[in-house]
Structure formats: C-alpha cells, structure tokens
Amino acid sequence: MDITGLLIFLVIGALAGWLAGTIMKGGGFGLLGNIIIGFVGGVVGGFLFNLLAIAAGGLIGSIVTATVGAVVLLYLVGLVKKA
C-alpha cells in the first residue's frame, strides 16, 4: 500500500467513524477513535454486505459500507454495555 492508499484509508475510516458516532450518539469520538471505529466498521460492513449479497463499489460505496458497519458495531456495543 502506498502513501496515497493509506491516506484514503484513514480518511474513509475517520469519516465513517464520525458519521456513525453522529448517527448513534450525537457526536464523534475524536480523530483516532473515529479512525478505529471506521476501520472495524469497514470490516463488519464488508461482512454484512457480503452476507446479504450487496455490492457497493468506489469511494462512496466504501464510506457507506464502513458507516453501516460502524453503526451496527456501536449498536452492539451499546447493547453489551447495558447488559
């Protein structure tokens, strides 16, 4: 992975984490927290989209996939914290 790919990866992670934080609790988690949540959300979203046979390509598709995965991740974390 070159430096451009790494920067795009970090921007997508940060944007997806911020969007998920805004959707789920009304705010972000800071830059590093947003990147981590966006990264894990991308993995979860990719798994869910593959499971449902949904294809989302390109930059916008990557952001949508990571955001949906991050929202699901934050929802599950919220359920675990309440239990």
N, C-alpha and C. Protein backbone atom coordinates (compact mmCIF):
# COMPACT_ATOMS: atom_id res chain seq x y z
N MET A 1 0.85 -1.17 0.00
CA MET A 1 0.00 0.00 0.00
C MET A 1 0.90 1.23 0.00
N ASP A 2 0.65 2.12 -0.93
CA ASP A 2 1.44 3.34 -0.98
C ASP A 2 0.85 4.40 -0.05
N ILE A 3 1.48 5.55 0.01
CA ILE A 3 1.06 6.59 0.95
C ILE A 3 -0.31 7.15 0.59
N THR A 4 -0.64 7.21 -0.70
CA THR A 4 -1.95 7.70 -1.12
C THR A 4 -3.05 6.75 -0.66
N GLY A 5 -2.84 5.46 -0.83
CA GLY A 5 -3.81 4.47 -0.38
C GLY A 5 -4.01 4.52 1.12
N LEU A 6 -2.92 4.71 1.85
CA LEU A 6 -3.01 4.81 3.30
C LEU A 6 -3.80 6.04 3.72
N LEU A 7 -3.55 7.16 3.07
CA LEU A 7 -4.30 8.39 3.40
C LEU A 7 -5.78 8.24 3.10
N ILE A 8 -6.12 7.63 1.97
CA ILE A 8 -7.53 7.40 1.62
C ILE A 8 -8.17 6.49 2.64
N PHE A 9 -7.46 5.44 3.04
CA PHE A 9 -7.93 4.50 4.05
C PHE A 9 -8.23 5.22 5.37
N LEU A 10 -7.32 6.10 5.79
CA LEU A 10 -7.51 6.83 7.04
C LEU A 10 -8.66 7.82 6.95
N VAL A 11 -8.80 8.49 5.82
CA VAL A 11 -9.90 9.45 5.65
C VAL A 11 -11.24 8.74 5.64
N ILE A 12 -11.33 7.61 4.95
CA ILE A 12 -12.58 6.84 4.94
C ILE A 12 -12.92 6.37 6.35
N GLY A 13 -11.93 5.87 7.07
CA GLY A 13 -12.16 5.42 8.45
C GLY A 13 -12.62 6.54 9.34
N ALA A 14 -11.96 7.69 9.24
CA ALA A 14 -12.33 8.84 10.08
C ALA A 14 -13.73 9.33 9.75
N LEU A 15 -14.04 9.42 8.46
CA LEU A 15 -15.37 9.90 8.05
C LEU A 15 -16.47 8.92 8.47
N ALA A 16 -16.23 7.63 8.26
CA ALA A 16 -17.23 6.62 8.64
C ALA A 16 -17.42 6.59 10.16
N GLY A 17 -16.35 6.67 10.92
CA GLY A 17 -16.47 6.69 12.38
C GLY A 17 -17.21 7.92 12.87
N TRP A 18 -16.92 9.08 12.27
CA TRP A 18 -17.62 10.30 12.65
C TRP A 18 -19.10 10.23 12.31
N LEU A 19 -19.42 9.74 11.11
CA LEU A 19 -20.83 9.60 10.72
C LEU A 19 -21.57 8.64 11.64
N ALA A 20 -20.96 7.51 11.95
CA ALA A 20 -21.60 6.54 12.84
C ALA A 20 -21.79 7.12 14.23
N GLY A 21 -20.79 7.83 14.73
CA GLY A 21 -20.92 8.46 16.04
C GLY A 21 -22.02 9.50 16.06
N THR A 22 -22.14 10.26 14.99
CA THR A 22 -23.20 11.26 14.88
C THR A 22 -24.57 10.59 14.82
N ILE A 23 -24.68 9.52 14.08
CA ILE A 23 -25.96 8.82 13.95
C ILE A 23 -26.36 8.16 15.27
N MET A 24 -25.42 7.54 15.95
CA MET A 24 -25.75 6.73 17.12
C MET A 24 -25.80 7.50 18.43
N LYS A 25 -24.94 8.46 18.65
CA LYS A 25 -24.94 9.11 19.95
C LYS A 25 -24.87 10.62 19.90
N GLY A 26 -24.83 11.18 18.71
CA GLY A 26 -24.85 12.62 18.60
C GLY A 26 -23.51 13.30 18.54
N GLY A 27 -22.42 12.58 18.39
CA GLY A 27 -21.09 13.20 18.30
C GLY A 27 -20.05 12.21 17.88
N GLY A 28 -18.85 12.69 17.61
CA GLY A 28 -17.76 11.82 17.21
C GLY A 28 -16.98 11.31 18.41
N PHE A 29 -15.89 10.62 18.13
CA PHE A 29 -15.06 10.02 19.17
C PHE A 29 -13.64 10.53 19.14
N GLY A 30 -13.41 11.65 18.50
CA GLY A 30 -12.05 12.13 18.30
C GLY A 30 -11.47 11.49 17.07
N LEU A 31 -10.40 12.05 16.55
CA LEU A 31 -9.84 11.57 15.28
C LEU A 31 -9.41 10.11 15.35
N LEU A 32 -8.64 9.74 16.35
CA LEU A 32 -8.17 8.36 16.45
C LEU A 32 -9.32 7.39 16.70
N GLY A 33 -10.25 7.77 17.56
CA GLY A 33 -11.41 6.92 17.82
C GLY A 33 -12.26 6.73 16.58
N ASN A 34 -12.46 7.79 15.80
CA ASN A 34 -13.23 7.69 14.57
C ASN A 34 -12.55 6.77 13.56
N ILE A 35 -11.23 6.87 13.46
CA ILE A 35 -10.49 6.01 12.52
C ILE A 35 -10.63 4.55 12.93
N ILE A 36 -10.48 4.26 14.22
CA ILE A 36 -10.59 2.88 14.70
C ILE A 36 -12.00 2.34 14.49
N ILE A 37 -13.00 3.13 14.85
CA ILE A 37 -14.39 2.69 14.67
C ILE A 37 -14.71 2.52 13.19
N GLY A 38 -14.21 3.43 12.36
CA GLY A 38 -14.42 3.32 10.92
C GLY A 38 -13.74 2.10 10.33
N PHE A 39 -12.54 1.77 10.80
CA PHE A 39 -11.83 0.58 10.32
C PHE A 39 -12.58 -0.69 10.69
N VAL A 40 -12.93 -0.81 11.96
CA VAL A 40 -13.66 -2.01 12.40
C VAL A 40 -15.04 -2.05 11.73
N GLY A 41 -15.65 -0.89 11.59
CA GLY A 41 -16.94 -0.81 10.89
C GLY A 41 -16.83 -1.24 9.44
N GLY A 42 -15.71 -0.93 8.80
CA GLY A 42 -15.50 -1.39 7.43
C GLY A 42 -15.44 -2.90 7.33
N VAL A 43 -14.80 -3.52 8.31
CA VAL A 43 -14.73 -4.99 8.34
C VAL A 43 -16.13 -5.57 8.57
N VAL A 44 -16.84 -5.03 9.56
CA VAL A 44 -18.20 -5.52 9.88
C VAL A 44 -19.13 -5.26 8.70
N GLY A 45 -19.07 -4.06 8.13
CA GLY A 45 -19.92 -3.72 6.99
C GLY A 45 -19.62 -4.59 5.78
N GLY A 46 -18.35 -4.84 5.52
CA GLY A 46 -17.98 -5.72 4.42
C GLY A 46 -18.53 -7.12 4.61
N PHE A 47 -18.46 -7.62 5.83
CA PHE A 47 -19.01 -8.95 6.13
C PHE A 47 -20.53 -8.97 5.93
N LEU A 48 -21.21 -7.95 6.47
CA LEU A 48 -22.67 -7.90 6.34
C LEU A 48 -23.12 -7.73 4.90
N PHE A 49 -22.46 -6.85 4.16
CA PHE A 49 -22.83 -6.64 2.75
C PHE A 49 -22.58 -7.90 1.94
N ASN A 50 -21.49 -8.62 2.23
CA ASN A 50 -21.21 -9.87 1.54
C ASN A 50 -22.25 -10.92 1.89
N LEU A 51 -22.64 -10.96 3.15
CA LEU A 51 -23.65 -11.91 3.61
C LEU A 51 -25.00 -11.67 2.93
N LEU A 52 -25.34 -10.40 2.72
CA LEU A 52 -26.60 -10.03 2.09
C LEU A 52 -26.50 -9.88 0.58
N ALA A 53 -25.33 -10.17 0.02
CA ALA A 53 -25.06 -10.08 -1.42
C ALA A 53 -25.31 -8.67 -1.95
N ILE A 54 -24.84 -7.68 -1.20
CA ILE A 54 -24.94 -6.28 -1.62
C ILE A 54 -23.55 -5.83 -2.03
N ALA A 55 -23.45 -5.21 -3.19
CA ALA A 55 -22.16 -4.72 -3.67
C ALA A 55 -22.17 -3.20 -3.65
N ALA A 56 -21.15 -2.61 -3.05
CA ALA A 56 -21.00 -1.16 -3.02
C ALA A 56 -19.57 -0.85 -3.41
N GLY A 57 -19.38 -0.31 -4.60
CA GLY A 57 -18.03 -0.06 -5.09
C GLY A 57 -17.69 1.42 -5.08
N GLY A 58 -16.43 1.70 -5.23
CA GLY A 58 -15.95 3.07 -5.30
C GLY A 58 -15.78 3.70 -3.94
N LEU A 59 -15.44 4.96 -3.96
CA LEU A 59 -15.19 5.71 -2.72
C LEU A 59 -16.45 5.85 -1.88
N ILE A 60 -17.54 6.24 -2.52
CA ILE A 60 -18.82 6.41 -1.80
C ILE A 60 -19.29 5.08 -1.25
N GLY A 61 -19.15 4.01 -2.02
CA GLY A 61 -19.53 2.68 -1.55
C GLY A 61 -18.73 2.24 -0.34
N SER A 62 -17.44 2.58 -0.34
CA SER A 62 -16.59 2.24 0.80
C SER A 62 -17.02 3.01 2.04
N ILE A 63 -17.36 4.28 1.87
CA ILE A 63 -17.81 5.09 3.01
C ILE A 63 -19.13 4.56 3.54
N VAL A 64 -20.05 4.22 2.64
CA VAL A 64 -21.36 3.69 3.06
C VAL A 64 -21.18 2.36 3.79
N THR A 65 -20.38 1.48 3.22
CA THR A 65 -20.14 0.17 3.85
C THR A 65 -19.53 0.32 5.24
N ALA A 66 -18.52 1.15 5.36
CA ALA A 66 -17.87 1.35 6.65
C ALA A 66 -18.81 2.03 7.65
N THR A 67 -19.62 2.96 7.19
CA THR A 67 -20.56 3.65 8.09
C THR A 67 -21.63 2.70 8.59
N VAL A 68 -22.20 1.91 7.70
CA VAL A 68 -23.22 0.94 8.12
C VAL A 68 -22.62 -0.06 9.11
N GLY A 69 -21.44 -0.55 8.83
CA GLY A 69 -20.78 -1.47 9.76
C GLY A 69 -20.48 -0.83 11.10
N ALA A 70 -20.06 0.43 11.09
CA ALA A 70 -19.75 1.13 12.33
C ALA A 70 -21.01 1.38 13.15
N VAL A 71 -22.13 1.69 12.48
CA VAL A 71 -23.40 1.88 13.19
C VAL A 71 -23.82 0.57 13.86
N VAL A 72 -23.71 -0.53 13.12
CA VAL A 72 -24.04 -1.84 13.70
C VAL A 72 -23.11 -2.14 14.88
N LEU A 73 -21.84 -1.86 14.71
CA LEU A 73 -20.87 -2.08 15.78
C LEU A 73 -21.22 -1.27 17.03
N LEU A 74 -21.51 0.01 16.86
CA LEU A 74 -21.86 0.85 18.00
C LEU A 74 -23.16 0.41 18.66
N TYR A 75 -24.11 -0.06 17.86
CA TYR A 75 -25.36 -0.57 18.41
C TYR A 75 -25.10 -1.80 19.28
N LEU A 76 -24.28 -2.72 18.76
CA LEU A 76 -23.97 -3.93 19.53
C LEU A 76 -23.19 -3.61 20.80
N VAL A 77 -22.26 -2.67 20.71
CA VAL A 77 -21.51 -2.25 21.91
C VAL A 77 -22.45 -1.64 22.93
N GLY A 78 -23.42 -0.85 22.47
CA GLY A 78 -24.41 -0.27 23.38
C GLY A 78 -25.25 -1.32 24.07
N LEU A 79 -25.60 -2.38 23.35
CA LEU A 79 -26.36 -3.47 23.95
C LEU A 79 -25.54 -4.19 25.02
N VAL A 80 -24.27 -4.41 24.74
CA VAL A 80 -23.40 -5.11 25.69
C VAL A 80 -23.18 -4.25 26.94
N LYS A 81 -23.00 -2.95 26.75
CA LYS A 81 -22.77 -2.07 27.90
C LYS A 81 -23.99 -1.98 28.81
N LYS A 82 -25.20 -2.10 28.25
CA LYS A 82 -26.43 -2.06 29.07
C LYS A 82 -26.63 -3.34 29.84
N ALA A 83 -26.09 -4.44 29.34
CA ALA A 83 -26.31 -5.74 29.99
C ALA A 83 -25.43 -5.93 31.19
